[in-house]
């Protein structure tokens, strides 16, 4: 049986993984998976739905 300390460790690990993922530049749009393209100022955008990084970050 999983005890409280085990659950806290699982939660902490998941939180660490989420922070690490959010710190990376995305390769694809999180909404539709379309590869992101670089804009003139280095921002990334989705040609399909207009999602932008870092403007539309969800962290």
PDB file of N, CA and C in Angstrom:
ATOM      1  N   UNK A   1       0.845  -1.180   0.000  1.00  0.00           N
ATOM      2  CA  UNK A   1       0.000   0.000   0.000  1.00  0.00           C
ATOM      3  C   UNK A   1       0.893   1.247   0.000  1.00  0.00           C
ATOM      4  N   UNK A   2       0.489   2.238  -0.754  1.00  0.00           N
ATOM      5  CA  UNK A   2       1.242   3.486  -0.839  1.00  0.00           C
ATOM      6  C   UNK A   2       0.917   4.338   0.382  1.00  0.00           C
ATOM      7  N   UNK A   3       1.950   4.779   1.045  1.00  0.00           N
ATOM      8  CA  UNK A   3       1.769   5.584   2.249  1.00  0.00           C
ATOM      9  C   UNK A   3       1.843   7.073   1.902  1.00  0.00           C
ATOM     10  N   UNK A   4       1.515   7.910   2.850  1.00  0.00           N
ATOM     11  CA  UNK A   4       1.499   9.351   2.640  1.00  0.00           C
ATOM     12  C   UNK A   4       2.824   9.907   2.153  1.00  0.00           C
ATOM     13  N   UNK A   5       3.922   9.421   2.721  1.00  0.00           N
ATOM     14  CA  UNK A   5       5.238   9.905   2.305  1.00  0.00           C
ATOM     15  C   UNK A   5       5.522   9.527   0.852  1.00  0.00           C
ATOM     16  N   UNK A   6       5.082   8.341   0.456  1.00  0.00           N
ATOM     17  CA  UNK A   6       5.265   7.911  -0.929  1.00  0.00           C
ATOM     18  C   UNK A   6       4.479   8.813  -1.882  1.00  0.00           C
ATOM     19  N   UNK A   7       3.267   9.158  -1.487  1.00  0.00           N
ATOM     20  CA  UNK A   7       2.451  10.039  -2.325  1.00  0.00           C
ATOM     21  C   UNK A   7       3.084  11.417  -2.456  1.00  0.00           C
ATOM     22  N   UNK A   8       3.636  11.922  -1.367  1.00  0.00           N
ATOM     23  CA  UNK A   8       4.310  13.221  -1.427  1.00  0.00           C
ATOM     24  C   UNK A   8       5.529  13.169  -2.340  1.00  0.00           C
ATOM     25  N   UNK A   9       6.259  12.071  -2.303  1.00  0.00           N
ATOM     26  CA  UNK A   9       7.427  11.924  -3.170  1.00  0.00           C
ATOM     27  C   UNK A   9       7.001  11.872  -4.639  1.00  0.00           C
ATOM     28  N   UNK A  10       5.917  11.178  -4.920  1.00  0.00           N
ATOM     29  CA  UNK A  10       5.398  11.105  -6.291  1.00  0.00           C
ATOM     30  C   UNK A  10       4.964  12.491  -6.756  1.00  0.00           C
ATOM     31  N   UNK A  11       4.272  13.215  -5.895  1.00  0.00           N
ATOM     32  CA  UNK A  11       3.824  14.565  -6.227  1.00  0.00           C
ATOM     33  C   UNK A  11       5.018  15.489  -6.481  1.00  0.00           C
ATOM     34  N   UNK A  12       6.024  15.423  -5.633  1.00  0.00           N
ATOM     35  CA  UNK A  12       7.204  16.276  -5.784  1.00  0.00           C
ATOM     36  C   UNK A  12       7.938  15.962  -7.091  1.00  0.00           C
ATOM     37  N   UNK A  13       8.045  14.692  -7.421  1.00  0.00           N
ATOM     38  CA  UNK A  13       8.704  14.308  -8.668  1.00  0.00           C
ATOM     39  C   UNK A  13       7.927  14.818  -9.879  1.00  0.00           C
ATOM     40  N   UNK A  14       6.615  14.700  -9.833  1.00  0.00           N
ATOM     41  CA  UNK A  14       5.781  15.183 -10.938  1.00  0.00           C
ATOM     42  C   UNK A  14       5.910  16.701 -11.084  1.00  0.00           C
ATOM     43  N   UNK A  15       5.955  17.407  -9.971  1.00  0.00           N
ATOM     44  CA  UNK A  15       6.106  18.864 -10.017  1.00  0.00           C
ATOM     45  C   UNK A  15       7.459  19.249 -10.613  1.00  0.00           C
ATOM     46  N   UNK A  16       8.506  18.526 -10.242  1.00  0.00           N
ATOM     47  CA  UNK A  16       9.837  18.790 -10.801  1.00  0.00           C
ATOM     48  C   UNK A  16       9.851  18.551 -12.309  1.00  0.00           C
ATOM     49  N   UNK A  17       9.224  17.472 -12.745  1.00  0.00           N
ATOM     50  CA  UNK A  17       9.170  17.166 -14.178  1.00  0.00           C
ATOM     51  C   UNK A  17       8.396  18.240 -14.938  1.00  0.00           C
ATOM     52  N   UNK A  18       7.303  18.712 -14.362  1.00  0.00           N
ATOM     53  CA  UNK A  18       6.511  19.762 -15.014  1.00  0.00           C
ATOM     54  C   UNK A  18       7.324  21.045 -15.164  1.00  0.00           C
ATOM     55  N   UNK A  19       8.036  21.430 -14.116  1.00  0.00           N
ATOM     56  CA  UNK A  19       8.871  22.633 -14.196  1.00  0.00           C
ATOM     57  C   UNK A  19       9.951  22.480 -15.261  1.00  0.00           C
ATOM     58  N   UNK A  20      10.555  21.314 -15.338  1.00  0.00           N
ATOM     59  CA  UNK A  20      11.605  21.075 -16.337  1.00  0.00           C
ATOM     60  C   UNK A  20      11.033  21.153 -17.754  1.00  0.00           C
ATOM     61  N   UNK A  21       9.855  20.593 -17.957  1.00  0.00           N
ATOM     62  CA  UNK A  21       9.223  20.647 -19.282  1.00  0.00           C
ATOM     63  C   UNK A  21       8.860  22.073 -19.667  1.00  0.00           C
ATOM     64  N   UNK A  22       8.360  22.843 -18.712  1.00  0.00           N
ATOM     65  CA  UNK A  22       7.946  24.209 -19.004  1.00  0.00           C
ATOM     66  C   UNK A  22       9.133  25.127 -19.270  1.00  0.00           C
ATOM     67  N   UNK A  23      10.297  24.766 -18.781  1.00  0.00           N
ATOM     68  CA  UNK A  23      11.486  25.589 -18.986  1.00  0.00           C
ATOM     69  C   UNK A  23      12.047  25.426 -20.398  1.00  0.00           C
ATOM     70  N   UNK A  24      11.653  24.380 -21.089  1.00  0.00           N
ATOM     71  CA  UNK A  24      12.158  24.120 -22.435  1.00  0.00           C
ATOM     72  C   UNK A  24      11.301  24.815 -23.484  1.00  0.00           C
ATOM     73  N   UNK A  25      11.947  25.177 -24.584  1.00  0.00           N
ATOM     74  CA  UNK A  25      11.197  25.727 -25.720  1.00  0.00           C
ATOM     75  C   UNK A  25      10.370  24.608 -26.335  1.00  0.00           C
ATOM     76  N   UNK A  26       9.108  24.844 -26.597  1.00  0.00           N
ATOM     77  CA  UNK A  26       8.288  23.800 -27.207  1.00  0.00           C
ATOM     78  C   UNK A  26       8.652  23.601 -28.676  1.00  0.00           C
ATOM     79  N   UNK A  27       8.505  22.394 -29.154  1.00  0.00           N
ATOM     80  CA  UNK A  27       8.765  22.090 -30.562  1.00  0.00           C
ATOM     81  C   UNK A  27       7.474  22.115 -31.368  1.00  0.00           C
ATOM     82  N   UNK A  28       6.354  21.890 -30.674  1.00  0.00           N
ATOM     83  CA  UNK A  28       5.065  21.819 -31.360  1.00  0.00           C
ATOM     84  C   UNK A  28       4.002  22.552 -30.548  1.00  0.00           C
ATOM     85  N   UNK A  29       2.966  22.966 -31.217  1.00  0.00           N
ATOM     86  CA  UNK A  29       1.845  23.650 -30.575  1.00  0.00           C
ATOM     87  C   UNK A  29       1.160  22.696 -29.592  1.00  0.00           C
ATOM     88  N   UNK A  30       0.925  23.136 -28.359  1.00  0.00           N
ATOM     89  CA  UNK A  30       0.263  22.259 -27.395  1.00  0.00           C
ATOM     90  C   UNK A  30      -1.212  22.024 -27.724  1.00  0.00           C
ATOM     91  N   UNK A  31      -1.781  22.855 -28.577  1.00  0.00           N
ATOM     92  CA  UNK A  31      -3.197  22.711 -28.918  1.00  0.00           C
ATOM     93  C   UNK A  31      -3.440  21.688 -30.019  1.00  0.00           C
ATOM     94  N   UNK A  32      -2.549  21.659 -31.019  1.00  0.00           N
ATOM     95  CA  UNK A  32      -2.819  20.792 -32.167  1.00  0.00           C
ATOM     96  C   UNK A  32      -1.614  20.004 -32.667  1.00  0.00           C
ATOM     97  N   UNK A  33      -0.452  20.189 -32.052  1.00  0.00           N
ATOM     98  CA  UNK A  33       0.728  19.419 -32.434  1.00  0.00           C
ATOM     99  C   UNK A  33       1.456  19.908 -33.674  1.00  0.00           C
ATOM    100  N   UNK A  34       1.012  21.025 -34.237  1.00  0.00           N
ATOM    101  CA  UNK A  34       1.668  21.585 -35.416  1.00  0.00           C
ATOM    102  C   UNK A  34       3.065  22.075 -35.033  1.00  0.00           C
ATOM    103  N   UNK A  35       4.091  21.767 -35.830  1.00  0.00           N
ATOM    104  CA  UNK A  35       5.428  22.290 -35.524  1.00  0.00           C
ATOM    105  C   UNK A  35       5.410  23.821 -35.473  1.00  0.00           C
ATOM    106  N   UNK A  36       6.099  24.376 -34.489  1.00  0.00           N
ATOM    107  CA  UNK A  36       6.134  25.828 -34.332  1.00  0.00           C
ATOM    108  C   UNK A  36       7.179  26.435 -35.255  1.00  0.00           C
ATOM    109  N   UNK A  37       6.894  27.640 -35.707  1.00  0.00           N
ATOM    110  CA  UNK A  37       7.804  28.370 -36.581  1.00  0.00           C
ATOM    111  C   UNK A  37       8.334  29.585 -35.834  1.00  0.00           C
ATOM    112  N   UNK A  38       9.572  29.962 -36.127  1.00  0.00           N
ATOM    113  CA  UNK A  38      10.183  31.124 -35.483  1.00  0.00           C
ATOM    114  C   UNK A  38       9.728  32.404 -36.169  1.00  0.00           C
ATOM    115  N   UNK A  39       9.406  33.401 -35.345  1.00  0.00           N
ATOM    116  CA  UNK A  39       9.033  34.708 -35.862  1.00  0.00           C
ATOM    117  C   UNK A  39      10.256  35.605 -35.969  1.00  0.00           C
ATOM    118  N   UNK A  40      10.076  36.832 -36.422  1.00  0.00           N
ATOM    119  CA  UNK A  40      11.201  37.732 -36.642  1.00  0.00           C
ATOM    120  C   UNK A  40      11.948  38.132 -35.366  1.00  0.00           C
ATOM    121  N   UNK A  41      11.290  38.066 -34.222  1.00  0.00           N
ATOM    122  CA  UNK A  41      11.930  38.435 -32.955  1.00  0.00           C
ATOM    123  C   UNK A  41      12.280  37.220 -32.104  1.00  0.00           C
ATOM    124  N   UNK A  42      12.287  36.054 -32.714  1.00  0.00           N
ATOM    125  CA  UNK A  42      12.656  34.844 -31.998  1.00  0.00           C
ATOM    126  C   UNK A  42      11.506  34.132 -31.313  1.00  0.00           C
ATOM    127  N   UNK A  43      10.329  34.729 -31.332  1.00  0.00           N
ATOM    128  CA  UNK A  43       9.181  34.059 -30.726  1.00  0.00           C
ATOM    129  C   UNK A  43       8.756  32.896 -31.621  1.00  0.00           C
ATOM    130  N   UNK A  44       8.113  31.930 -31.035  1.00  0.00           N
ATOM    131  CA  UNK A  44       7.609  30.792 -31.794  1.00  0.00           C
ATOM    132  C   UNK A  44       6.105  30.941 -31.951  1.00  0.00           C
ATOM    133  N   UNK A  45       5.585  30.509 -33.087  1.00  0.00           N
ATOM    134  CA  UNK A  45       4.139  30.590 -33.285  1.00  0.00           C
ATOM    135  C   UNK A  45       3.645  29.405 -34.105  1.00  0.00           C
ATOM    136  N   UNK A  46       2.363  29.131 -33.923  1.00  0.00           N
ATOM    137  CA  UNK A  46       1.703  28.056 -34.653  1.00  0.00           C
ATOM    138  C   UNK A  46       0.998  28.666 -35.859  1.00  0.00           C
ATOM    139  N   UNK A  47       1.326  28.186 -37.008  1.00  0.00           N
ATOM    140  CA  UNK A  47       0.719  28.691 -38.237  1.00  0.00           C
ATOM    141  C   UNK A  47      -0.779  28.365 -38.295  1.00  0.00           C
ATOM    142  N   UNK A  48      -1.172  27.268 -37.662  1.00  0.00           N
ATOM    143  CA  UNK A  48      -2.559  26.816 -37.755  1.00  0.00           C
ATOM    144  C   UNK A  48      -3.510  27.619 -36.869  1.00  0.00           C
ATOM    145  N   UNK A  49      -3.181  27.753 -35.568  1.00  0.00           N
ATOM    146  CA  UNK A  49      -4.140  28.409 -34.669  1.00  0.00           C
ATOM    147  C   UNK A  49      -3.634  29.702 -34.031  1.00  0.00           C
ATOM    148  N   UNK A  50      -2.396  30.116 -34.354  1.00  0.00           N
ATOM    149  CA  UNK A  50      -1.889  31.384 -33.852  1.00  0.00           C
ATOM    150  C   UNK A  50      -1.301  31.344 -32.452  1.00  0.00           C
ATOM    151  N   UNK A  51      -1.212  30.172 -31.842  1.00  0.00           N
ATOM    152  CA  UNK A  51      -0.625  30.074 -30.505  1.00  0.00           C
ATOM    153  C   UNK A  51       0.802  30.585 -30.563  1.00  0.00           C
ATOM    154  N   UNK A  52       1.212  31.343 -29.546  1.00  0.00           N
ATOM    155  CA  UNK A  52       2.565  31.912 -29.513  1.00  0.00           C
ATOM    156  C   UNK A  52       3.285  31.534 -28.232  1.00  0.00           C
ATOM    157  N   UNK A  53       4.591  31.379 -28.354  1.00  0.00           N
ATOM    158  CA  UNK A  53       5.444  31.151 -27.191  1.00  0.00           C
ATOM    159  C   UNK A  53       6.501  32.224 -27.194  1.00  0.00           C
ATOM    160  N   UNK A  54       6.733  32.945 -26.160  1.00  0.00           N
ATOM    161  CA  UNK A  54       6.267  32.693 -24.802  1.00  0.00           C
ATOM    162  C   UNK A  54       4.955  33.371 -24.431  1.00  0.00           C
ATOM    163  N   UNK A  55       4.300  34.079 -25.325  1.00  0.00           N
ATOM    164  CA  UNK A  55       3.082  34.824 -24.984  1.00  0.00           C
ATOM    165  C   UNK A  55       1.983  33.971 -24.366  1.00  0.00           C
ATOM    166  N   UNK A  56       1.757  32.783 -24.889  1.00  0.00           N
ATOM    167  CA  UNK A  56       0.647  31.946 -24.432  1.00  0.00           C
ATOM    168  C   UNK A  56       1.068  30.852 -23.462  1.00  0.00           C
ATOM    169  N   UNK A  57       2.178  31.032 -22.772  1.00  0.00           N
ATOM    170  CA  UNK A  57       2.617  30.007 -21.818  1.00  0.00           C
ATOM    171  C   UNK A  57       1.564  29.819 -20.745  1.00  0.00           C
ATOM    172  N   UNK A  58       1.478  28.604 -20.260  1.00  0.00           N
ATOM    173  CA  UNK A  58       0.444  28.284 -19.269  1.00  0.00           C
ATOM    174  C   UNK A  58       1.037  27.907 -17.924  1.00  0.00           C
ATOM    175  N   UNK A  59       2.212  28.415 -17.605  1.00  0.00           N
ATOM    176  CA  UNK A  59       2.827  28.034 -16.329  1.00  0.00           C
ATOM    177  C   UNK A  59       2.477  28.976 -15.217  1.00  0.00           C
TER     178      UNK A  59
END
